[in-house]
PDB file of N, CA and C in Angstrom:
ATOM      1  N   UNK A   1     -59.684-103.806-245.929  1.00  0.00           N
ATOM      2  CA  UNK A   1     -59.639-102.394-245.576  1.00  0.00           C
ATOM      3  C   UNK A   1     -59.012-102.200-244.194  1.00  0.00           C
ATOM      4  N   UNK A   2     -59.367-103.105-243.261  1.00  0.00           N
ATOM      5  CA  UNK A   2     -58.819-102.983-241.913  1.00  0.00           C
ATOM      6  C   UNK A   2     -57.296-103.091-241.927  1.00  0.00           C
ATOM      7  N   UNK A   3     -56.750-104.015-242.714  1.00  0.00           N
ATOM      8  CA  UNK A   3     -55.301-104.203-242.781  1.00  0.00           C
ATOM      9  C   UNK A   3     -54.623-102.945-243.323  1.00  0.00           C
ATOM     10  N   UNK A   4     -55.214-102.338-244.316  1.00  0.00           N
ATOM     11  CA  UNK A   4     -54.666-101.105-244.882  1.00  0.00           C
ATOM     12  C   UNK A   4     -54.663 -99.981-243.847  1.00  0.00           C
ATOM     13  N   UNK A   5     -55.754 -99.819-243.121  1.00  0.00           N
ATOM     14  CA  UNK A   5     -55.838 -98.771-242.096  1.00  0.00           C
ATOM     15  C   UNK A   5     -54.852 -99.054-240.967  1.00  0.00           C
ATOM     16  N   UNK A   6     -54.735-100.331-240.574  1.00  0.00           N
ATOM     17  CA  UNK A   6     -53.785-100.706-239.518  1.00  0.00           C
ATOM     18  C   UNK A   6     -52.358-100.405-239.951  1.00  0.00           C
ATOM     19  N   UNK A   7     -52.011-100.787-241.167  1.00  0.00           N
ATOM     20  CA  UNK A   7     -50.652-100.543-241.672  1.00  0.00           C
ATOM     21  C   UNK A   7     -50.345 -99.050-241.722  1.00  0.00           C
ATOM     22  N   UNK A   8     -51.283 -98.269-242.201  1.00  0.00           N
ATOM     23  CA  UNK A   8     -51.083 -96.818-242.277  1.00  0.00           C
ATOM     24  C   UNK A   8     -50.929 -96.228-240.881  1.00  0.00           C
ATOM     25  N   UNK A   9     -51.782 -96.651-239.957  1.00  0.00           N
ATOM     26  CA  UNK A   9     -51.711 -96.136-238.584  1.00  0.00           C
ATOM     27  C   UNK A   9     -50.388 -96.503-237.933  1.00  0.00           C
ATOM     28  N   UNK A  10     -49.904 -97.733-238.142  1.00  0.00           N
ATOM     29  CA  UNK A  10     -48.632 -98.156-237.546  1.00  0.00           C
ATOM     30  C   UNK A  10     -47.456 -97.388-238.150  1.00  0.00           C
ATOM     31  N   UNK A  11     -47.494 -97.118-239.443  1.00  0.00           N
ATOM     32  CA  UNK A  11     -46.413 -96.333-240.066  1.00  0.00           C
ATOM     33  C   UNK A  11     -46.380 -94.920-239.494  1.00  0.00           C
ATOM     34  N   UNK A  12     -47.545 -94.336-239.312  1.00  0.00           N
ATOM     35  CA  UNK A  12     -47.607 -92.999-238.726  1.00  0.00           C
ATOM     36  C   UNK A  12     -47.115 -93.013-237.281  1.00  0.00           C
ATOM     37  N   UNK A  13     -47.493 -94.043-236.523  1.00  0.00           N
ATOM     38  CA  UNK A  13     -47.053 -94.158-235.139  1.00  0.00           C
ATOM     39  C   UNK A  13     -45.539 -94.315-235.062  1.00  0.00           C
ATOM     40  N   UNK A  14     -44.967 -95.171-235.908  1.00  0.00           N
ATOM     41  CA  UNK A  14     -43.502 -95.360-235.944  1.00  0.00           C
ATOM     42  C   UNK A  14     -42.777 -94.084-236.346  1.00  0.00           C
ATOM     43  N   UNK A  15     -43.439 -93.239-237.130  1.00  0.00           N
ATOM     44  CA  UNK A  15     -42.827 -91.981-237.567  1.00  0.00           C
ATOM     45  C   UNK A  15     -42.898 -90.916-236.480  1.00  0.00           C
ATOM     46  N   UNK A  16     -43.539 -91.251-235.348  1.00  0.00           N
ATOM     47  CA  UNK A  16     -43.588 -90.305-234.239  1.00  0.00           C
ATOM     48  C   UNK A  16     -44.819 -89.415-234.230  1.00  0.00           C
ATOM     49  N   UNK A  17     -45.808 -89.751-235.047  1.00  0.00           N
ATOM     50  CA  UNK A  17     -47.033 -88.953-235.089  1.00  0.00           C
ATOM     51  C   UNK A  17     -47.879 -89.285-233.863  1.00  0.00           C
ATOM     52  N   UNK A  18     -48.448 -88.263-233.232  1.00  0.00           N
ATOM     53  CA  UNK A  18     -49.276 -88.471-232.047  1.00  0.00           C
ATOM     54  C   UNK A  18     -50.564 -89.203-232.406  1.00  0.00           C
ATOM     55  N   UNK A  19     -51.062 -89.976-231.440  1.00  0.00           N
ATOM     56  CA  UNK A  19     -52.278 -90.759-231.641  1.00  0.00           C
ATOM     57  C   UNK A  19     -53.461 -89.881-232.025  1.00  0.00           C
ATOM     58  N   UNK A  20     -53.551 -88.703-231.440  1.00  0.00           N
ATOM     59  CA  UNK A  20     -54.673 -87.816-231.773  1.00  0.00           C
ATOM     60  C   UNK A  20     -54.634 -87.395-233.239  1.00  0.00           C
ATOM     61  N   UNK A  21     -53.438 -87.195-233.776  1.00  0.00           N
ATOM     62  CA  UNK A  21     -53.324 -86.824-235.190  1.00  0.00           C
ATOM     63  C   UNK A  21     -53.655 -88.012-236.096  1.00  0.00           C
ATOM     64  N   UNK A  22     -53.271 -89.208-235.674  1.00  0.00           N
ATOM     65  CA  UNK A  22     -53.598 -90.407-236.444  1.00  0.00           C
ATOM     66  C   UNK A  22     -55.119 -90.587-236.475  1.00  0.00           C
ATOM     67  N   UNK A  23     -55.774 -90.335-235.346  1.00  0.00           N
ATOM     68  CA  UNK A  23     -57.234 -90.438-235.283  1.00  0.00           C
ATOM     69  C   UNK A  23     -57.882 -89.476-236.271  1.00  0.00           C
ATOM     70  N   UNK A  24     -57.377 -88.259-236.339  1.00  0.00           N
ATOM     71  CA  UNK A  24     -57.924 -87.296-237.298  1.00  0.00           C
ATOM     72  C   UNK A  24     -57.697 -87.759-238.726  1.00  0.00           C
ATOM     73  N   UNK A  25     -56.516 -88.274-239.001  1.00  0.00           N
ATOM     74  CA  UNK A  25     -56.182 -88.724-240.348  1.00  0.00           C
ATOM     75  C   UNK A  25     -57.081 -89.888-240.771  1.00  0.00           C
ATOM     76  N   UNK A  26     -57.404 -90.784-239.810  1.00  0.00           N
ATOM     77  CA  UNK A  26     -58.277 -91.912-240.116  1.00  0.00           C
ATOM     78  C   UNK A  26     -59.757 -91.523-240.133  1.00  0.00           C
ATOM     79  N   UNK A  27     -60.057 -90.291-239.693  1.00  0.00           N
ATOM     80  CA  UNK A  27     -61.430 -89.824-239.690  1.00  0.00           C
ATOM     81  C   UNK A  27     -62.232 -90.264-238.481  1.00  0.00           C
ATOM     82  N   UNK A  28     -61.540 -90.565-237.390  1.00  0.00           N
ATOM     83  CA  UNK A  28     -62.230 -91.001-236.179  1.00  0.00           C
ATOM     84  C   UNK A  28     -62.648 -89.806-235.338  1.00  0.00           C
ATOM     85  N   UNK A  29     -63.829 -89.902-234.801  1.00  0.00           N
ATOM     86  CA  UNK A  29     -64.339 -88.839-233.940  1.00  0.00           C
ATOM     87  C   UNK A  29     -63.681 -88.888-232.569  1.00  0.00           C
ATOM     88  N   UNK A  30     -63.391 -90.095-232.083  1.00  0.00           N
ATOM     89  CA  UNK A  30     -62.772 -90.269-230.775  1.00  0.00           C
ATOM     90  C   UNK A  30     -61.430 -90.981-230.930  1.00  0.00           C
ATOM     91  N   UNK A  31     -60.460 -90.570-230.117  1.00  0.00           N
ATOM     92  CA  UNK A  31     -59.127 -91.175-230.173  1.00  0.00           C
ATOM     93  C   UNK A  31     -59.192 -92.651-229.797  1.00  0.00           C
ATOM     94  N   UNK A  32     -60.092 -93.014-228.887  1.00  0.00           N
ATOM     95  CA  UNK A  32     -60.198 -94.401-228.441  1.00  0.00           C
ATOM     96  C   UNK A  32     -60.490 -95.358-229.600  1.00  0.00           C
ATOM     97  N   UNK A  33     -61.217 -94.884-230.588  1.00  0.00           N
ATOM     98  CA  UNK A  33     -61.531 -95.713-231.754  1.00  0.00           C
ATOM     99  C   UNK A  33     -60.265 -96.082-232.510  1.00  0.00           C
ATOM    100  N   UNK A  34     -59.284 -95.226-232.476  1.00  0.00           N
ATOM    101  CA  UNK A  34     -58.038 -95.435-233.208  1.00  0.00           C
ATOM    102  C   UNK A  34     -57.213 -96.567-232.622  1.00  0.00           C
ATOM    103  N   UNK A  35     -57.380 -96.851-231.350  1.00  0.00           N
ATOM    104  CA  UNK A  35     -56.544 -97.847-230.690  1.00  0.00           C
ATOM    105  C   UNK A  35     -56.669 -99.237-231.304  1.00  0.00           C
ATOM    106  N   UNK A  36     -57.783 -99.552-231.957  1.00  0.00           N
ATOM    107  CA  UNK A  36     -57.893-100.865-232.593  1.00  0.00           C
ATOM    108  C   UNK A  36     -56.916-100.995-233.756  1.00  0.00           C
ATOM    109  N   UNK A  37     -56.466 -99.885-234.296  1.00  0.00           N
ATOM    110  CA  UNK A  37     -55.512 -99.913-235.402  1.00  0.00           C
ATOM    111  C   UNK A  37     -54.072 -99.783-234.946  1.00  0.00           C
ATOM    112  N   UNK A  38     -53.849 -99.532-233.679  1.00  0.00           N
ATOM    113  CA  UNK A  38     -52.501 -99.240-233.193  1.00  0.00           C
ATOM    114  C   UNK A  38     -51.927-100.334-232.300  1.00  0.00           C
ATOM    115  N   UNK A  39     -52.176-101.569-232.622  1.00  0.00           N
ATOM    116  CA  UNK A  39     -51.557-102.661-231.882  1.00  0.00           C
ATOM    117  C   UNK A  39     -50.072-102.653-232.227  1.00  0.00           C
ATOM    118  N   UNK A  40     -49.238-102.437-231.227  1.00  0.00           N
ATOM    119  CA  UNK A  40     -47.805-102.293-231.461  1.00  0.00           C
ATOM    120  C   UNK A  40     -47.181-103.613-231.909  1.00  0.00           C
ATOM    121  N   UNK A  41     -46.244-103.517-232.827  1.00  0.00           N
ATOM    122  CA  UNK A  41     -45.514-104.700-233.236  1.00  0.00           C
ATOM    123  C   UNK A  41     -44.371-104.956-232.250  1.00  0.00           C
ATOM    124  N   UNK A  42     -43.697-106.072-232.389  1.00  0.00           N
ATOM    125  CA  UNK A  42     -42.665-106.453-231.424  1.00  0.00           C
ATOM    126  C   UNK A  42     -41.512-105.451-231.376  1.00  0.00           C
ATOM    127  N   UNK A  43     -41.118-104.908-232.513  1.00  0.00           N
ATOM    128  CA  UNK A  43     -40.034-103.926-232.534  1.00  0.00           C
ATOM    129  C   UNK A  43     -40.375-102.687-231.727  1.00  0.00           C
ATOM    130  N   UNK A  44     -41.602-102.219-231.879  1.00  0.00           N
ATOM    131  CA  UNK A  44     -42.052-101.044-231.141  1.00  0.00           C
ATOM    132  C   UNK A  44     -42.108-101.343-229.644  1.00  0.00           C
ATOM    133  N   UNK A  45     -42.582-102.530-229.283  1.00  0.00           N
ATOM    134  CA  UNK A  45     -42.635-102.922-227.877  1.00  0.00           C
ATOM    135  C   UNK A  45     -41.228-103.024-227.280  1.00  0.00           C
ATOM    136  N   UNK A  46     -40.284-103.601-228.028  1.00  0.00           N
ATOM    137  CA  UNK A  46     -38.909-103.725-227.538  1.00  0.00           C
ATOM    138  C   UNK A  46     -38.277-102.356-227.321  1.00  0.00           C
ATOM    139  N   UNK A  47     -38.501-101.411-228.228  1.00  0.00           N
ATOM    140  CA  UNK A  47     -37.948-100.065-228.063  1.00  0.00           C
ATOM    141  C   UNK A  47     -38.556 -99.364-226.860  1.00  0.00           C
ATOM    142  N   UNK A  48     -39.850 -99.569-226.630  1.00  0.00           N
ATOM    143  CA  UNK A  48     -40.501 -98.957-225.470  1.00  0.00           C
ATOM    144  C   UNK A  48     -39.940 -99.527-224.177  1.00  0.00           C
ATOM    145  N   UNK A  49     -39.753-100.833-224.123  1.00  0.00           N
ATOM    146  CA  UNK A  49     -39.185-101.448-222.927  1.00  0.00           C
ATOM    147  C   UNK A  49     -37.746-101.008-222.698  1.00  0.00           C
ATOM    148  N   UNK A  50     -36.974-100.904-223.763  1.00  0.00           N
ATOM    149  CA  UNK A  50     -35.580-100.470-223.630  1.00  0.00           C
ATOM    150  C   UNK A  50     -35.499 -99.034-223.121  1.00  0.00           C
ATOM    151  N   UNK A  51     -36.450 -98.208-223.509  1.00  0.00           N
ATOM    152  CA  UNK A  51     -36.444 -96.810-223.081  1.00  0.00           C
ATOM    153  C   UNK A  51     -36.852 -96.660-221.623  1.00  0.00           C
ATOM    154  N   UNK A  52     -37.598 -97.612-221.081  1.00  0.00           N
ATOM    155  CA  UNK A  52     -38.076 -97.488-219.713  1.00  0.00           C
ATOM    156  C   UNK A  52     -37.289 -98.330-218.724  1.00  0.00           C
ATOM    157  N   UNK A  53     -36.450 -99.217-219.211  1.00  0.00           N
ATOM    158  CA  UNK A  53     -35.684-100.075-218.310  1.00  0.00           C
ATOM    159  C   UNK A  53     -34.657 -99.247-217.549  1.00  0.00           C
ATOM    160  N   UNK A  54     -34.542 -99.459-216.252  1.00  0.00           N
ATOM    161  CA  UNK A  54     -33.532 -98.737-215.491  1.00  0.00           C
ATOM    162  C   UNK A  54     -32.134 -99.154-215.931  1.00  0.00           C
ATOM    163  N   UNK A  55     -31.197 -98.214-215.876  1.00  0.00           N
ATOM    164  CA  UNK A  55     -29.821 -98.499-216.292  1.00  0.00           C
ATOM    165  C   UNK A  55     -29.177 -99.532-215.371  1.00  0.00           C
ATOM    166  N   UNK A  56     -29.435 -99.417-214.089  1.00  0.00           N
ATOM    167  CA  UNK A  56     -28.871-100.358-213.126  1.00  0.00           C
ATOM    168  C   UNK A  56     -30.007-100.849-212.233  1.00  0.00           C
ATOM    169  N   UNK A  57     -30.214-102.120-212.231  1.00  0.00           N
ATOM    170  CA  UNK A  57     -31.261-102.684-211.382  1.00  0.00           C
ATOM    171  C   UNK A  57     -30.781-104.015-210.823  1.00  0.00           C
ATOM    172  N   UNK A  58     -31.081-104.229-209.585  1.00  0.00           N
ATOM    173  CA  UNK A  58     -30.750-105.494-208.961  1.00  0.00           C
ATOM    174  C   UNK A  58     -31.905-106.462-209.179  1.00  0.00           C
ATOM    175  N   UNK A  59     -31.618-107.597-209.793  1.00  0.00           N
ATOM    176  CA  UNK A  59     -32.701-108.539-210.013  1.00  0.00           C
ATOM    177  C   UNK A  59     -33.199-109.107-208.686  1.00  0.00           C
ATOM    178  N   UNK A  60     -34.452-109.444-208.662  1.00  0.00           N
ATOM    179  CA  UNK A  60     -35.022-110.025-207.453  1.00  0.00           C
ATOM    180  C   UNK A  60     -36.444-109.577-207.254  1.00  0.00           C
ATOM    181  N   UNK A  61     -37.019-110.036-206.172  1.00  0.00           N
ATOM    182  CA  UNK A  61     -38.410-109.728-205.872  1.00  0.00           C
ATOM    183  C   UNK A  61     -38.475-108.713-204.742  1.00  0.00           C
ATOM    184  N   UNK A  62     -39.406-107.769-204.850  1.00  0.00           N
ATOM    185  CA  UNK A  62     -39.574-106.737-203.821  1.00  0.00           C
ATOM    186  C   UNK A  62     -40.087-107.382-202.540  1.00  0.00           C
ATOM    187  N   UNK A  63     -39.448-107.052-201.438  1.00  0.00           N
ATOM    188  CA  UNK A  63     -39.863-107.538-200.122  1.00  0.00           C
ATOM    189  C   UNK A  63     -40.123-106.323-199.236  1.00  0.00           C
ATOM    190  N   UNK A  64     -41.397-106.019-198.975  1.00  0.00           N
ATOM    191  CA  UNK A  64     -41.710-104.845-198.151  1.00  0.00           C
ATOM    192  C   UNK A  64     -41.258-105.059-196.706  1.00  0.00           C
ATOM    193  N   UNK A  65     -40.842-103.954-196.089  1.00  0.00           N
ATOM    194  CA  UNK A  65     -40.427-104.056-194.685  1.00  0.00           C
ATOM    195  C   UNK A  65     -41.655-104.021-193.778  1.00  0.00           C
ATOM    196  N   UNK A  66     -41.441-104.270-192.493  1.00  0.00           N
ATOM    197  CA  UNK A  66     -42.550-104.349-191.532  1.00  0.00           C
ATOM    198  C   UNK A  66     -43.305-103.034-191.414  1.00  0.00           C
ATOM    199  N   UNK A  67     -42.585-101.913-191.507  1.00  0.00           N
ATOM    200  CA  UNK A  67     -43.225-100.604-191.385  1.00  0.00           C
ATOM    201  C   UNK A  67     -44.228-100.397-192.530  1.00  0.00           C
ATOM    202  N   UNK A  68     -43.837-100.752-193.745  1.00  0.00           N
ATOM    203  CA  UNK A  68     -44.728-100.612-194.895  1.00  0.00           C
ATOM    204  C   UNK A  68     -45.934-101.546-194.765  1.00  0.00           C
ATOM    205  N   UNK A  69     -45.708-102.767-194.360  1.00  0.00           N
ATOM    206  CA  UNK A  69     -46.801-103.712-194.191  1.00  0.00           C
ATOM    207  C   UNK A  69     -47.789-103.241-193.131  1.00  0.00           C
ATOM    208  N   UNK A  70     -47.276-102.673-192.044  1.00  0.00           N
ATOM    209  CA  UNK A  70     -48.143-102.166-190.996  1.00  0.00           C
ATOM    210  C   UNK A  70     -48.983-101.002-191.526  1.00  0.00           C
ATOM    211  N   UNK A  71     -48.368-100.126-192.313  1.00  0.00           N
ATOM    212  CA  UNK A  71     -49.104 -99.011-192.909  1.00  0.00           C
ATOM    213  C   UNK A  71     -50.233 -99.514-193.806  1.00  0.00           C
ATOM    214  N   UNK A  72     -49.924-100.489-194.653  1.00  0.00           N
ATOM    215  CA  UNK A  72     -50.926-101.012-195.570  1.00  0.00           C
ATOM    216  C   UNK A  72     -52.058-101.722-194.818  1.00  0.00           C
ATOM    217  N   UNK A  73     -51.716-102.415-193.761  1.00  0.00           N
ATOM    218  CA  UNK A  73     -52.734-103.080-192.958  1.00  0.00           C
ATOM    219  C   UNK A  73     -53.674-102.078-192.309  1.00  0.00           C
ATOM    220  N   UNK A  74     -53.152-100.902-191.974  1.00  0.00           N
ATOM    221  CA  UNK A  74     -53.952 -99.880-191.300  1.00  0.00           C
ATOM    222  C   UNK A  74     -54.916 -99.168-192.243  1.00  0.00           C
ATOM    223  N   UNK A  75     -54.744 -99.331-193.535  1.00  0.00           N
ATOM    224  CA  UNK A  75     -55.622 -98.648-194.495  1.00  0.00           C
ATOM    225  C   UNK A  75     -57.023 -99.174-194.486  1.00  0.00           C
TER     226      UNK A  75
END
């Protein structure tokens, strides 16, 4: 039964249905309960990452300047 509910929830999610509507369709009282059925597959994760990746980014590690470090130390 869990596999059937998971498959249905993932199909609805891929179709662009909001999580709150999927929760209602599954008969869940709280949206949080629905999250156990909405584990994203790799294709969905790749599309999400592609949508959020900056068009131009310089690879490397962030190095804060002295002014920022001093501010953080003062907190």
